[in-house]
């Protein structure tokens, strides 16, 4: 009976030693970050806040902006990054707060509202006589790896706009903007900052161009 007791005790000790060893191995594995993924360990939600530059005039217009039409290649909650040969990829662990078509539209409405370039800017039609509709089409809002470089990218912001008088559906203006910024650091933070600035430049040009086709306050 004594011998059997010793054997049972030894088996229990061996079991606990193995269990502790497995637990330690799991902890160590969790602490090790694979090479190339350490700079951004958790998913990050990126937000845009474009600030418009100098505006030439303020328009006497109530502006209605429906949801923008966005190229299917970039209309995602993921932030698109194109590799050489136009292979689509996404920034690791980074995303927009919403699908790009929805988020881009709300960002433009907010930026144009804050600019004071128009009487009002909304995502709903207005019943005012001075109502205008702005149709937006986003064909590019992404990053591209530069040839023979994994450390630098270019960011692209391409958009088109159509200005329509709501009362008679007359087209007042058609606009197109294409900005490319090269030699941007490939880190996600740097890419989003560059995209934000490119969007601000495009919206500044758009507001000034629309000011030439709309009745103005000054």
N, C-alpha and C. Protein backbone atom coordinates (compact mmCIF):
# COMPACT_ATOMS: atom_id res chain seq x y z
N UNK A 1 0.83 -1.21 0.00
CA UNK A 1 0.00 0.00 0.00
C UNK A 1 0.86 1.25 0.00
N UNK A 2 1.97 1.19 0.73
CA UNK A 2 2.85 2.36 0.78
C UNK A 2 3.48 2.63 -0.56
N UNK A 3 3.89 1.52 -1.24
CA UNK A 3 4.54 1.69 -2.57
C UNK A 3 3.54 2.29 -3.55
N UNK A 4 2.29 1.81 -3.53
CA UNK A 4 1.26 2.35 -4.43
C UNK A 4 1.01 3.82 -4.17
N UNK A 5 1.07 4.24 -2.95
CA UNK A 5 0.86 5.64 -2.59
C UNK A 5 1.94 6.52 -3.14
N UNK A 6 3.20 6.04 -3.10
CA UNK A 6 4.32 6.84 -3.64
C UNK A 6 4.18 7.03 -5.14
N UNK A 7 3.77 5.91 -5.80
CA UNK A 7 3.63 6.01 -7.25
C UNK A 7 2.53 7.01 -7.63
N UNK A 8 1.44 6.99 -6.89
CA UNK A 8 0.35 7.93 -7.17
C UNK A 8 0.79 9.36 -6.96
N UNK A 9 1.57 9.59 -5.89
CA UNK A 9 2.07 10.94 -5.60
C UNK A 9 3.00 11.42 -6.70
N UNK A 10 3.85 10.52 -7.21
CA UNK A 10 4.78 10.90 -8.28
C UNK A 10 4.02 11.27 -9.55
N UNK A 11 2.93 10.53 -9.83
CA UNK A 11 2.14 10.82 -11.03
C UNK A 11 1.47 12.18 -10.95
N UNK A 12 0.97 12.53 -9.76
CA UNK A 12 0.33 13.84 -9.57
C UNK A 12 1.34 14.96 -9.76
N UNK A 13 2.56 14.78 -9.19
CA UNK A 13 3.60 15.81 -9.32
C UNK A 13 3.98 16.01 -10.78
N UNK A 14 4.12 14.88 -11.52
CA UNK A 14 4.48 14.97 -12.94
C UNK A 14 3.40 15.72 -13.72
N UNK A 15 2.13 15.43 -13.39
CA UNK A 15 1.02 16.10 -14.06
C UNK A 15 1.07 17.63 -13.85
N UNK A 16 1.32 18.03 -12.59
CA UNK A 16 1.39 19.47 -12.29
C UNK A 16 2.59 20.13 -12.94
N UNK A 17 3.72 19.43 -13.01
CA UNK A 17 4.90 19.99 -13.68
C UNK A 17 4.62 20.23 -15.16
N UNK A 18 3.95 19.29 -15.80
CA UNK A 18 3.63 19.44 -17.22
C UNK A 18 2.65 20.59 -17.42
N UNK A 19 1.64 20.68 -16.54
CA UNK A 19 0.64 21.74 -16.64
C UNK A 19 1.26 23.12 -16.49
N UNK A 20 2.16 23.26 -15.50
CA UNK A 20 2.84 24.55 -15.29
C UNK A 20 3.71 24.89 -16.49
N UNK A 21 4.38 23.88 -17.03
CA UNK A 21 5.24 24.11 -18.20
C UNK A 21 4.45 24.59 -19.40
N UNK A 22 3.27 23.99 -19.64
CA UNK A 22 2.42 24.41 -20.75
C UNK A 22 1.93 25.85 -20.55
N UNK A 23 1.56 26.19 -19.31
CA UNK A 23 1.09 27.54 -19.01
C UNK A 23 2.17 28.58 -19.26
N UNK A 24 3.40 28.27 -18.81
CA UNK A 24 4.52 29.20 -19.02
C UNK A 24 4.79 29.38 -20.51
N UNK A 25 4.69 28.30 -21.27
CA UNK A 25 4.93 28.37 -22.71
C UNK A 25 3.89 29.26 -23.39
N UNK A 26 2.66 29.15 -22.93
CA UNK A 26 1.58 29.98 -23.50
C UNK A 26 1.81 31.46 -23.21
N UNK A 27 2.25 31.75 -21.97
CA UNK A 27 2.52 33.15 -21.60
C UNK A 27 3.65 33.72 -22.43
N UNK A 28 4.72 32.94 -22.58
CA UNK A 28 5.87 33.41 -23.37
C UNK A 28 5.49 33.62 -24.82
N UNK A 29 4.65 32.74 -25.36
CA UNK A 29 4.23 32.88 -26.75
C UNK A 29 3.42 34.15 -26.95
N UNK A 30 2.59 34.49 -25.97
CA UNK A 30 1.76 35.70 -26.07
C UNK A 30 2.60 36.95 -26.00
N UNK A 31 3.75 36.86 -25.36
CA UNK A 31 4.60 38.05 -25.20
C UNK A 31 5.49 38.28 -26.41
N UNK A 32 5.62 37.30 -27.27
CA UNK A 32 6.49 37.44 -28.43
C UNK A 32 5.68 37.98 -29.60
N UNK A 33 6.12 39.08 -30.22
CA UNK A 33 5.45 39.67 -31.36
C UNK A 33 6.20 39.31 -32.63
N UNK A 34 5.54 38.76 -33.64
CA UNK A 34 6.23 38.41 -34.87
C UNK A 34 6.89 39.62 -35.50
N UNK A 35 8.01 39.42 -36.16
CA UNK A 35 8.75 40.52 -36.79
C UNK A 35 7.87 41.20 -37.82
N UNK A 36 7.92 42.55 -37.84
CA UNK A 36 7.16 43.32 -38.81
C UNK A 36 5.78 43.73 -38.34
N UNK A 37 5.31 43.23 -37.20
CA UNK A 37 3.98 43.56 -36.72
C UNK A 37 4.00 44.30 -35.39
N UNK A 38 5.15 44.62 -34.88
CA UNK A 38 5.24 45.22 -33.55
C UNK A 38 4.85 46.68 -33.49
N UNK A 39 4.91 47.39 -34.64
CA UNK A 39 4.69 48.84 -34.58
C UNK A 39 3.22 49.20 -34.42
N UNK A 40 2.30 48.26 -34.69
CA UNK A 40 0.89 48.56 -34.56
C UNK A 40 0.17 47.30 -34.08
N UNK A 41 0.20 47.08 -32.78
CA UNK A 41 -0.27 45.81 -32.24
C UNK A 41 -1.79 45.70 -32.23
N UNK A 42 -2.50 46.81 -32.09
CA UNK A 42 -3.94 46.76 -32.00
C UNK A 42 -4.57 47.55 -33.13
N UNK A 43 -5.80 47.17 -33.50
CA UNK A 43 -6.50 47.88 -34.56
C UNK A 43 -6.78 49.32 -34.13
N UNK A 44 -6.59 50.23 -35.06
CA UNK A 44 -6.76 51.65 -34.78
C UNK A 44 -7.79 52.24 -35.74
N UNK A 45 -8.71 53.01 -35.21
CA UNK A 45 -9.71 53.67 -36.04
C UNK A 45 -9.19 55.06 -36.38
N UNK A 46 -9.04 55.33 -37.67
CA UNK A 46 -8.51 56.61 -38.12
C UNK A 46 -9.65 57.55 -38.53
N UNK A 47 -9.50 58.82 -38.18
CA UNK A 47 -10.52 59.82 -38.51
C UNK A 47 -9.89 60.97 -39.30
N UNK A 48 -10.68 61.54 -40.18
CA UNK A 48 -10.24 62.67 -41.00
C UNK A 48 -10.82 63.96 -40.44
N UNK A 49 -10.05 65.04 -40.54
CA UNK A 49 -10.53 66.35 -40.09
C UNK A 49 -9.91 67.43 -40.99
N UNK A 50 -10.28 67.44 -42.28
CA UNK A 50 -9.67 68.40 -43.21
C UNK A 50 -10.05 69.84 -42.88
N UNK A 51 -9.05 70.70 -42.88
CA UNK A 51 -9.27 72.13 -42.66
C UNK A 51 -9.07 72.86 -43.98
N UNK A 52 -10.11 73.54 -44.45
CA UNK A 52 -10.00 74.24 -45.72
C UNK A 52 -9.07 75.44 -45.61
N UNK A 53 -8.41 75.75 -46.71
CA UNK A 53 -7.53 76.90 -46.77
C UNK A 53 -8.31 78.18 -47.04
N UNK A 54 -7.62 79.18 -47.54
CA UNK A 54 -8.24 80.48 -47.78
C UNK A 54 -9.33 80.38 -48.85
N UNK A 55 -10.49 80.99 -48.56
CA UNK A 55 -11.61 81.00 -49.49
C UNK A 55 -11.82 82.40 -50.03
N UNK A 56 -12.15 82.50 -51.31
CA UNK A 56 -12.24 83.79 -51.98
C UNK A 56 -13.57 84.50 -51.71
N UNK A 57 -14.63 83.72 -51.43
CA UNK A 57 -15.94 84.34 -51.24
C UNK A 57 -16.86 83.39 -50.47
N UNK A 58 -17.99 83.92 -50.00
CA UNK A 58 -19.01 83.11 -49.35
C UNK A 58 -20.25 83.09 -50.23
N UNK A 59 -20.77 81.90 -50.48
CA UNK A 59 -21.90 81.74 -51.40
C UNK A 59 -23.24 81.82 -50.68
N UNK A 60 -24.23 82.42 -51.36
CA UNK A 60 -25.60 82.46 -50.84
C UNK A 60 -26.29 81.17 -51.28
N UNK A 61 -25.89 80.06 -50.70
CA UNK A 61 -26.41 78.78 -51.15
C UNK A 61 -26.62 77.83 -49.98
N UNK A 62 -27.73 77.10 -50.05
CA UNK A 62 -27.99 76.00 -49.14
C UNK A 62 -27.62 74.73 -49.90
N UNK A 63 -26.63 74.03 -49.40
CA UNK A 63 -26.04 72.92 -50.15
C UNK A 63 -26.49 71.57 -49.60
N UNK A 64 -26.99 70.73 -50.50
CA UNK A 64 -27.41 69.37 -50.16
C UNK A 64 -26.42 68.39 -50.79
N UNK A 65 -25.83 67.51 -49.96
CA UNK A 65 -24.85 66.54 -50.45
C UNK A 65 -25.34 65.12 -50.13
N UNK A 66 -25.82 64.39 -51.14
CA UNK A 66 -26.20 62.99 -50.91
C UNK A 66 -24.96 62.12 -50.76
N UNK A 67 -25.15 60.85 -50.43
CA UNK A 67 -24.02 59.93 -50.25
C UNK A 67 -23.19 59.87 -51.52
N UNK A 68 -21.90 60.02 -51.37
CA UNK A 68 -20.99 60.05 -52.52
C UNK A 68 -20.92 58.69 -53.21
N UNK A 69 -20.68 58.75 -54.51
CA UNK A 69 -20.40 57.53 -55.26
C UNK A 69 -18.90 57.26 -55.14
N UNK A 70 -18.54 56.07 -54.69
CA UNK A 70 -17.13 55.74 -54.45
C UNK A 70 -16.76 54.51 -55.27
N UNK A 71 -15.59 54.55 -55.86
CA UNK A 71 -15.11 53.41 -56.64
C UNK A 71 -15.14 52.14 -55.79
N UNK A 72 -15.68 51.03 -56.32
CA UNK A 72 -15.76 49.79 -55.55
C UNK A 72 -14.41 49.31 -55.02
N UNK A 73 -13.34 49.65 -55.70
CA UNK A 73 -12.01 49.19 -55.27
C UNK A 73 -11.59 49.78 -53.94
N UNK A 74 -12.17 50.92 -53.56
CA UNK A 74 -11.77 51.57 -52.31
C UNK A 74 -12.93 51.76 -51.34
N UNK A 75 -14.14 51.37 -51.74
CA UNK A 75 -15.30 51.58 -50.87
C UNK A 75 -15.39 50.48 -49.82
N UNK A 76 -14.61 50.66 -48.78
CA UNK A 76 -14.50 49.68 -47.71
C UNK A 76 -14.21 50.42 -46.42
N UNK A 77 -14.40 49.73 -45.32
CA UNK A 77 -13.99 50.30 -44.04
C UNK A 77 -12.49 50.18 -43.85
N UNK A 78 -11.86 49.30 -44.63
CA UNK A 78 -10.41 49.15 -44.60
C UNK A 78 -9.76 50.27 -45.40
N UNK A 79 -8.55 50.65 -45.03
CA UNK A 79 -7.80 51.70 -45.73
C UNK A 79 -6.95 51.02 -46.79
N UNK A 80 -7.21 51.36 -48.05
CA UNK A 80 -6.64 50.62 -49.17
C UNK A 80 -5.19 51.04 -49.45
N UNK A 81 -4.38 50.02 -49.70
CA UNK A 81 -2.97 50.21 -50.05
C UNK A 81 -2.69 49.32 -51.24
N UNK A 82 -2.28 49.93 -52.36
CA UNK A 82 -2.01 49.15 -53.56
C UNK A 82 -0.52 48.82 -53.65
N UNK A 83 -0.25 47.56 -53.92
CA UNK A 83 1.12 47.09 -54.14
C UNK A 83 1.46 47.24 -55.62
N UNK A 84 2.73 47.02 -56.01
CA UNK A 84 3.09 47.06 -57.43
C UNK A 84 2.17 46.15 -58.26
N UNK A 85 2.00 46.50 -59.53
CA UNK A 85 1.10 45.79 -60.45
C UNK A 85 -0.35 45.94 -60.01
N UNK A 86 -0.62 46.98 -59.22
CA UNK A 86 -1.98 47.34 -58.78
C UNK A 86 -2.68 46.21 -58.03
N UNK A 87 -1.90 45.51 -57.22
CA UNK A 87 -2.47 44.47 -56.36
C UNK A 87 -3.03 45.13 -55.10
N UNK A 88 -4.30 44.89 -54.84
CA UNK A 88 -4.96 45.54 -53.71
C UNK A 88 -4.58 44.90 -52.38
N UNK A 89 -4.30 45.76 -51.41
CA UNK A 89 -4.01 45.33 -50.06
C UNK A 89 -4.63 46.37 -49.13
N UNK A 90 -4.45 46.18 -47.83
CA UNK A 90 -5.01 47.11 -46.85
C UNK A 90 -3.98 47.40 -45.77
N UNK A 91 -4.10 48.56 -45.14
CA UNK A 91 -3.22 48.87 -44.01
C UNK A 91 -3.51 47.90 -42.88
N UNK A 92 -2.47 47.35 -42.31
CA UNK A 92 -2.65 46.38 -41.22
C UNK A 92 -3.19 47.07 -39.97
N UNK A 93 -4.23 46.50 -39.42
CA UNK A 93 -4.76 46.95 -38.13
C UNK A 93 -5.23 48.39 -38.10
N UNK A 94 -5.63 48.92 -39.24
CA UNK A 94 -6.15 50.28 -39.29
C UNK A 94 -7.40 50.33 -40.17
N UNK A 95 -8.37 51.17 -39.79
CA UNK A 95 -9.59 51.25 -40.58
C UNK A 95 -10.26 52.61 -40.38
N UNK A 96 -11.23 52.92 -41.27
CA UNK A 96 -12.07 54.10 -41.11
C UNK A 96 -13.20 53.79 -40.13
N UNK A 97 -13.86 54.80 -39.58
CA UNK A 97 -14.97 54.53 -38.65
C UNK A 97 -16.17 53.87 -39.32
N UNK A 98 -16.27 54.02 -40.65
CA UNK A 98 -17.41 53.48 -41.38
C UNK A 98 -16.96 53.18 -42.81
N UNK A 99 -17.84 52.59 -43.58
CA UNK A 99 -17.56 52.37 -44.99
C UNK A 99 -17.18 53.71 -45.63
N UNK A 100 -16.22 53.70 -46.56
CA UNK A 100 -15.66 54.96 -47.06
C UNK A 100 -16.71 55.86 -47.68
N UNK A 101 -17.66 55.30 -48.44
CA UNK A 101 -18.68 56.15 -49.07
C UNK A 101 -19.47 56.94 -48.03
N UNK A 102 -19.81 56.29 -46.94
CA UNK A 102 -20.56 56.95 -45.86
C UNK A 102 -19.68 57.93 -45.10
N UNK A 103 -18.48 57.49 -44.74
CA UNK A 103 -17.59 58.33 -43.93
C UNK A 103 -17.07 59.53 -44.72
N UNK A 104 -16.73 59.32 -45.98
CA UNK A 104 -16.25 60.42 -46.82
C UNK A 104 -17.33 61.49 -46.94
N UNK A 105 -18.58 61.08 -47.17
CA UNK A 105 -19.67 62.05 -47.31
C UNK A 105 -19.85 62.88 -46.04
N UNK A 106 -19.89 62.23 -44.89
CA UNK A 106 -20.07 62.97 -43.63
C UNK A 106 -18.87 63.89 -43.35
N UNK A 107 -17.67 63.45 -43.75
CA UNK A 107 -16.48 64.28 -43.55
C UNK A 107 -16.54 65.54 -44.41
N UNK A 108 -16.97 65.39 -45.66
CA UNK A 108 -17.08 66.54 -46.56
C UNK A 108 -18.14 67.52 -46.05
N UNK A 109 -19.29 67.00 -45.63
CA UNK A 109 -20.35 67.87 -45.10
C UNK A 109 -19.84 68.66 -43.89
N UNK A 110 -19.15 67.98 -43.00
CA UNK A 110 -18.63 68.65 -41.80
C UNK A 110 -17.60 69.71 -42.17
N UNK A 111 -16.69 69.37 -43.09
CA UNK A 111 -15.62 70.31 -43.46
C UNK A 111 -16.19 71.55 -44.15
N UNK A 112 -17.13 71.35 -45.07
CA UNK A 112 -17.72 72.50 -45.77
C UNK A 112 -18.58 73.34 -44.84
N UNK A 113 -19.24 72.69 -43.88
CA UNK A 113 -20.03 73.44 -42.90
C UNK A 113 -19.13 74.34 -42.07
N UNK A 114 -18.01 73.80 -41.60
CA UNK A 114 -17.09 74.56 -40.75
C UNK A 114 -16.39 75.67 -41.52
N UNK A 115 -16.34 75.56 -42.84
CA UNK A 115 -15.62 76.55 -43.64
C UNK A 115 -16.38 77.87 -43.76
N UNK A 116 -17.70 77.84 -43.50
CA UNK A 116 -18.54 79.03 -43.68
C UNK A 116 -18.60 79.51 -45.12
N UNK A 117 -18.32 78.62 -46.07
CA UNK A 117 -18.35 79.00 -47.48
C UNK A 117 -19.77 79.04 -48.03
N UNK A 118 -20.72 78.42 -47.29
CA UNK A 118 -22.11 78.34 -47.73
C UNK A 118 -23.04 78.67 -46.56
N UNK A 119 -24.29 78.99 -46.88
CA UNK A 119 -25.23 79.30 -45.81
C UNK A 119 -25.46 78.07 -44.94
N UNK A 120 -25.76 76.94 -45.57
CA UNK A 120 -25.91 75.68 -44.84
C UNK A 120 -25.39 74.54 -45.73
N UNK A 121 -24.97 73.47 -45.07
CA UNK A 121 -24.55 72.25 -45.78
C UNK A 121 -25.19 71.08 -45.04
N UNK A 122 -25.88 70.21 -45.79
CA UNK A 122 -26.64 69.15 -45.15
C UNK A 122 -26.68 67.90 -46.02
N UNK A 123 -27.05 66.78 -45.39
CA UNK A 123 -27.24 65.54 -46.14
C UNK A 123 -28.70 65.36 -46.54
N UNK A 124 -29.51 66.43 -46.38
CA UNK A 124 -30.92 66.37 -46.74
C UNK A 124 -31.27 67.54 -47.67
N UNK A 125 -32.18 67.31 -48.62
CA UNK A 125 -32.59 68.40 -49.52
C UNK A 125 -33.21 69.53 -48.72
N UNK A 126 -33.08 70.73 -49.25
CA UNK A 126 -33.65 71.90 -48.59
C UNK A 126 -34.86 72.39 -49.35
N UNK A 127 -35.78 73.00 -48.63
CA UNK A 127 -36.98 73.56 -49.28
C UNK A 127 -36.77 75.03 -49.65
N UNK A 128 -35.58 75.56 -49.33
CA UNK A 128 -35.29 76.97 -49.62
C UNK A 128 -35.13 77.19 -51.13
N UNK A 129 -35.42 78.40 -51.56
CA UNK A 129 -35.26 78.74 -52.98
C UNK A 129 -33.79 78.67 -53.40
N UNK A 130 -32.91 78.91 -52.46
CA UNK A 130 -31.48 78.89 -52.78
C UNK A 130 -30.86 77.54 -52.56
N UNK A 131 -31.59 76.46 -52.93
CA UNK A 131 -31.09 75.12 -52.70
C UNK A 131 -30.29 74.58 -53.87
N UNK A 132 -29.17 73.95 -53.57
CA UNK A 132 -28.30 73.36 -54.60
C UNK A 132 -27.87 71.97 -54.15
N UNK A 133 -27.68 71.11 -55.14
CA UNK A 133 -27.25 69.74 -54.86
C UNK A 133 -25.84 69.54 -55.38
N UNK A 134 -25.00 68.92 -54.55
CA UNK A 134 -23.62 68.63 -54.95
C UNK A 134 -23.44 67.11 -54.98
N UNK A 135 -23.23 66.58 -56.19
CA UNK A 135 -23.00 65.15 -56.36
C UNK A 135 -21.49 64.90 -56.38
N UNK A 136 -21.04 63.99 -55.55
CA UNK A 136 -19.62 63.71 -55.43
C UNK A 136 -19.30 62.30 -55.92
N UNK A 137 -18.16 62.16 -56.55
CA UNK A 137 -17.68 60.85 -56.99
C UNK A 137 -16.20 60.75 -56.61
N UNK A 138 -15.89 59.76 -55.78
CA UNK A 138 -14.52 59.56 -55.31
C UNK A 138 -13.92 58.37 -56.06
N UNK A 139 -12.92 58.65 -56.87
CA UNK A 139 -12.31 57.58 -57.68
C UNK A 139 -10.99 57.10 -57.10
N UNK A 140 -10.41 57.88 -56.22
CA UNK A 140 -9.15 57.49 -55.60
C UNK A 140 -9.00 58.10 -54.23
N UNK A 141 -8.72 57.27 -53.23
CA UNK A 141 -8.43 57.76 -51.89
C UNK A 141 -7.69 56.62 -51.19
N UNK A 142 -6.41 56.51 -51.53
CA UNK A 142 -5.65 55.33 -51.12
C UNK A 142 -4.16 55.65 -51.14
N UNK A 143 -3.38 54.66 -50.76
CA UNK A 143 -1.92 54.76 -50.82
C UNK A 143 -1.40 53.75 -51.83
N UNK A 144 -0.22 54.05 -52.40
CA UNK A 144 0.42 53.14 -53.36
C UNK A 144 1.89 53.02 -53.00
N UNK A 145 2.38 51.79 -52.96
CA UNK A 145 3.82 51.61 -52.75
C UNK A 145 4.57 52.19 -53.94
N UNK A 146 5.66 52.89 -53.67
CA UNK A 146 6.51 53.39 -54.74
C UNK A 146 7.35 52.24 -55.29
N UNK A 147 7.73 52.30 -56.57
CA UNK A 147 8.54 51.23 -57.15
C UNK A 147 9.83 51.01 -56.37
N UNK A 148 10.13 49.75 -56.09
CA UNK A 148 11.36 49.34 -55.42
C UNK A 148 11.50 49.93 -54.02
N UNK A 149 10.37 50.17 -53.37
CA UNK A 149 10.44 50.72 -52.01
C UNK A 149 9.29 50.19 -51.18
N UNK A 150 9.62 49.72 -49.98
CA UNK A 150 8.61 49.29 -49.02
C UNK A 150 8.52 50.27 -47.85
N UNK A 151 9.36 51.31 -47.87
CA UNK A 151 9.40 52.28 -46.78
C UNK A 151 8.67 53.57 -47.13
N UNK A 152 8.43 53.81 -48.42
CA UNK A 152 7.78 55.04 -48.87
C UNK A 152 6.59 54.70 -49.76
N UNK A 153 5.56 55.54 -49.68
CA UNK A 153 4.36 55.36 -50.50
C UNK A 153 3.96 56.70 -51.11
N UNK A 154 3.04 56.64 -52.05
CA UNK A 154 2.36 57.83 -52.55
C UNK A 154 0.91 57.75 -52.10
N UNK A 155 0.30 58.89 -51.81
CA UNK A 155 -1.13 58.90 -51.51
C UNK A 155 -1.85 59.60 -52.65
N UNK A 156 -3.04 59.11 -52.96
CA UNK A 156 -3.81 59.60 -54.10
C UNK A 156 -5.20 60.02 -53.62
N UNK A 157 -5.64 61.20 -54.03
CA UNK A 157 -6.99 61.69 -53.72
C UNK A 157 -7.59 62.25 -55.00
N UNK A 158 -8.50 61.50 -55.59
CA UNK A 158 -9.12 61.89 -56.85
C UNK A 158 -10.62 61.99 -56.66
N UNK A 159 -11.19 63.11 -57.02
CA UNK A 159 -12.64 63.28 -56.86
C UNK A 159 -13.23 64.13 -57.97
N UNK A 160 -14.50 63.90 -58.25
CA UNK A 160 -15.25 64.68 -59.23
C UNK A 160 -16.52 65.20 -58.55
N UNK A 161 -17.02 66.33 -59.03
CA UNK A 161 -18.21 66.92 -58.42
C UNK A 161 -19.09 67.55 -59.49
N UNK A 162 -20.39 67.50 -59.23
CA UNK A 162 -21.38 68.08 -60.14
C UNK A 162 -22.31 68.96 -59.30
N UNK A 163 -22.40 70.24 -59.65
CA UNK A 163 -23.23 71.20 -58.92
C UNK A 163 -24.53 71.43 -59.69
N UNK A 164 -25.67 71.21 -59.02
CA UNK A 164 -26.98 71.29 -59.67
C UNK A 164 -27.90 72.21 -58.88
N UNK A 165 -28.63 73.08 -59.59
CA UNK A 165 -29.65 73.90 -58.93
C UNK A 165 -30.89 73.03 -58.73
N UNK A 166 -31.34 72.91 -57.49
CA UNK A 166 -32.46 72.02 -57.18
C UNK A 166 -33.76 72.43 -57.86
N UNK A 167 -34.00 73.72 -57.98
CA UNK A 167 -35.27 74.22 -58.50
C UNK A 167 -35.58 73.71 -59.89
N UNK A 168 -34.58 73.74 -60.77
CA UNK A 168 -34.82 73.34 -62.16
C UNK A 168 -33.88 72.24 -62.65
N UNK A 169 -33.09 71.68 -61.73
CA UNK A 169 -32.15 70.60 -62.05
C UNK A 169 -31.11 71.01 -63.11
N UNK A 170 -30.82 72.28 -63.16
CA UNK A 170 -29.82 72.76 -64.12
C UNK A 170 -28.42 72.54 -63.56
N UNK A 171 -27.53 72.02 -64.40
CA UNK A 171 -26.14 71.82 -64.00
C UNK A 171 -25.40 73.16 -64.08
N UNK A 172 -24.82 73.58 -62.96
CA UNK A 172 -24.11 74.85 -62.90
C UNK A 172 -22.61 74.69 -63.04
N UNK A 173 -22.10 73.55 -62.65
CA UNK A 173 -20.65 73.37 -62.72
C UNK A 173 -20.24 71.91 -62.62
N UNK A 174 -19.15 71.57 -63.29
CA UNK A 174 -18.54 70.25 -63.20
C UNK A 174 -17.08 70.44 -62.82
N UNK A 175 -16.60 69.66 -61.86
CA UNK A 175 -15.25 69.87 -61.32
C UNK A 175 -14.53 68.53 -61.16
N UNK A 176 -13.22 68.58 -61.32
CA UNK A 176 -12.42 67.38 -61.13
C UNK A 176 -11.10 67.75 -60.46
N UNK A 177 -10.70 66.96 -59.48
CA UNK A 177 -9.48 67.24 -58.72
C UNK A 177 -8.67 65.95 -58.57
N UNK A 178 -7.38 66.08 -58.73
CA UNK A 178 -6.50 64.90 -58.69
C UNK A 178 -5.20 65.30 -57.99
N UNK A 179 -5.03 64.84 -56.77
CA UNK A 179 -3.82 65.16 -56.00
C UNK A 179 -3.06 63.88 -55.70
N UNK A 180 -1.77 63.95 -55.89
CA UNK A 180 -0.87 62.82 -55.56
C UNK A 180 0.30 63.38 -54.77
N UNK A 181 0.56 62.78 -53.62
CA UNK A 181 1.69 63.19 -52.78
C UNK A 181 2.65 62.01 -52.66
N UNK A 182 3.88 62.22 -53.10
CA UNK A 182 4.88 61.15 -53.11
C UNK A 182 5.78 61.19 -51.87
N UNK A 183 6.55 60.12 -51.72
CA UNK A 183 7.56 60.01 -50.66
C UNK A 183 6.97 60.19 -49.25
N UNK A 184 5.84 59.56 -49.03
CA UNK A 184 5.22 59.56 -47.70
C UNK A 184 5.70 58.33 -46.94
N UNK A 185 6.04 58.51 -45.66
CA UNK A 185 6.43 57.38 -44.83
C UNK A 185 5.32 56.33 -44.83
N UNK A 186 5.70 55.05 -44.94
CA UNK A 186 4.72 53.97 -45.08
C UNK A 186 3.98 53.64 -43.78
N UNK A 187 4.29 54.31 -42.69
CA UNK A 187 3.58 54.08 -41.44
C UNK A 187 2.13 54.56 -41.60
N UNK A 188 1.14 53.80 -41.10
CA UNK A 188 -0.27 54.18 -41.25
C UNK A 188 -0.59 55.60 -40.80
N UNK A 189 -0.02 56.05 -39.68
CA UNK A 189 -0.29 57.41 -39.20
C UNK A 189 0.09 58.45 -40.26
N UNK A 190 1.26 58.27 -40.88
CA UNK A 190 1.74 59.22 -41.89
C UNK A 190 0.86 59.19 -43.14
N UNK A 191 0.40 58.01 -43.50
CA UNK A 191 -0.46 57.86 -44.68
C UNK A 191 -1.78 58.60 -44.47
N UNK A 192 -2.39 58.43 -43.30
CA UNK A 192 -3.68 59.09 -43.04
C UNK A 192 -3.52 60.60 -42.96
N UNK A 193 -2.45 61.08 -42.38
CA UNK A 193 -2.19 62.53 -42.33
C UNK A 193 -2.09 63.09 -43.75
N UNK A 194 -1.38 62.38 -44.63
CA UNK A 194 -1.22 62.85 -46.01
C UNK A 194 -2.55 62.81 -46.76
N UNK A 195 -3.36 61.77 -46.54
CA UNK A 195 -4.68 61.70 -47.17
C UNK A 195 -5.58 62.83 -46.68
N UNK A 196 -5.50 63.14 -45.40
CA UNK A 196 -6.29 64.23 -44.83
C UNK A 196 -5.93 65.56 -45.47
N UNK A 197 -4.63 65.81 -45.67
CA UNK A 197 -4.19 67.06 -46.28
C UNK A 197 -4.60 67.13 -47.75
N UNK A 198 -4.49 66.00 -48.45
CA UNK A 198 -4.90 65.97 -49.85
C UNK A 198 -6.39 66.27 -49.99
N UNK A 199 -7.19 65.71 -49.09
CA UNK A 199 -8.63 65.99 -49.12
C UNK A 199 -8.90 67.46 -48.81
N UNK A 200 -8.18 68.04 -47.86
CA UNK A 200 -8.35 69.46 -47.53
C UNK A 200 -8.04 70.34 -48.74
N UNK A 201 -6.97 70.00 -49.47
CA UNK A 201 -6.60 70.76 -50.68
C UNK A 201 -7.70 70.65 -51.74
N UNK A 202 -8.22 69.44 -51.94
CA UNK A 202 -9.29 69.25 -52.93
C UNK A 202 -10.55 70.03 -52.56
N UNK A 203 -10.92 70.00 -51.29
CA UNK A 203 -12.15 70.69 -50.86
C UNK A 203 -11.99 72.20 -50.92
N UNK A 204 -10.79 72.70 -50.66
CA UNK A 204 -10.54 74.14 -50.78
C UNK A 204 -10.73 74.58 -52.23
N UNK A 205 -10.17 73.80 -53.16
CA UNK A 205 -10.33 74.12 -54.59
C UNK A 205 -11.80 74.02 -54.99
N UNK A 206 -12.50 73.00 -54.49
CA UNK A 206 -13.91 72.83 -54.83
C UNK A 206 -14.75 74.01 -54.34
N UNK A 207 -14.55 74.42 -53.09
CA UNK A 207 -15.33 75.53 -52.53
C UNK A 207 -15.08 76.82 -53.32
N UNK A 208 -13.84 77.07 -53.69
CA UNK A 208 -13.53 78.28 -54.46
C UNK A 208 -14.11 78.21 -55.86
N UNK A 209 -14.08 77.03 -56.47
CA UNK A 209 -14.63 76.90 -57.82
C UNK A 209 -16.15 77.04 -57.81
N UNK A 210 -16.81 76.47 -56.82
CA UNK A 210 -18.26 76.61 -56.72
C UNK A 210 -18.66 78.06 -56.47
N UNK A 211 -17.82 78.79 -55.75
CA UNK A 211 -18.09 80.19 -55.48
C UNK A 211 -18.19 81.03 -56.75
N UNK A 212 -17.56 80.56 -57.83
CA UNK A 212 -17.63 81.27 -59.12
C UNK A 212 -18.93 80.99 -59.86
N UNK A 213 -19.63 79.91 -59.47
CA UNK A 213 -20.86 79.51 -60.16
C UNK A 213 -22.11 79.73 -59.34
N UNK A 214 -21.97 80.23 -58.13
CA UNK A 214 -23.09 80.44 -57.23
C UNK A 214 -23.25 81.93 -56.90
N UNK A 215 -24.45 82.36 -56.54
CA UNK A 215 -24.60 83.75 -56.04
C UNK A 215 -23.78 83.89 -54.76
N UNK A 216 -23.11 85.04 -54.61
CA UNK A 216 -22.18 85.19 -53.50
C UNK A 216 -22.62 86.30 -52.56
N UNK A 217 -22.20 86.14 -51.29
CA UNK A 217 -22.45 87.13 -50.26
C UNK A 217 -21.35 88.19 -50.28
N UNK A 218 -20.11 87.71 -50.48
CA UNK A 218 -18.99 88.64 -50.61
C UNK A 218 -17.89 87.94 -51.38
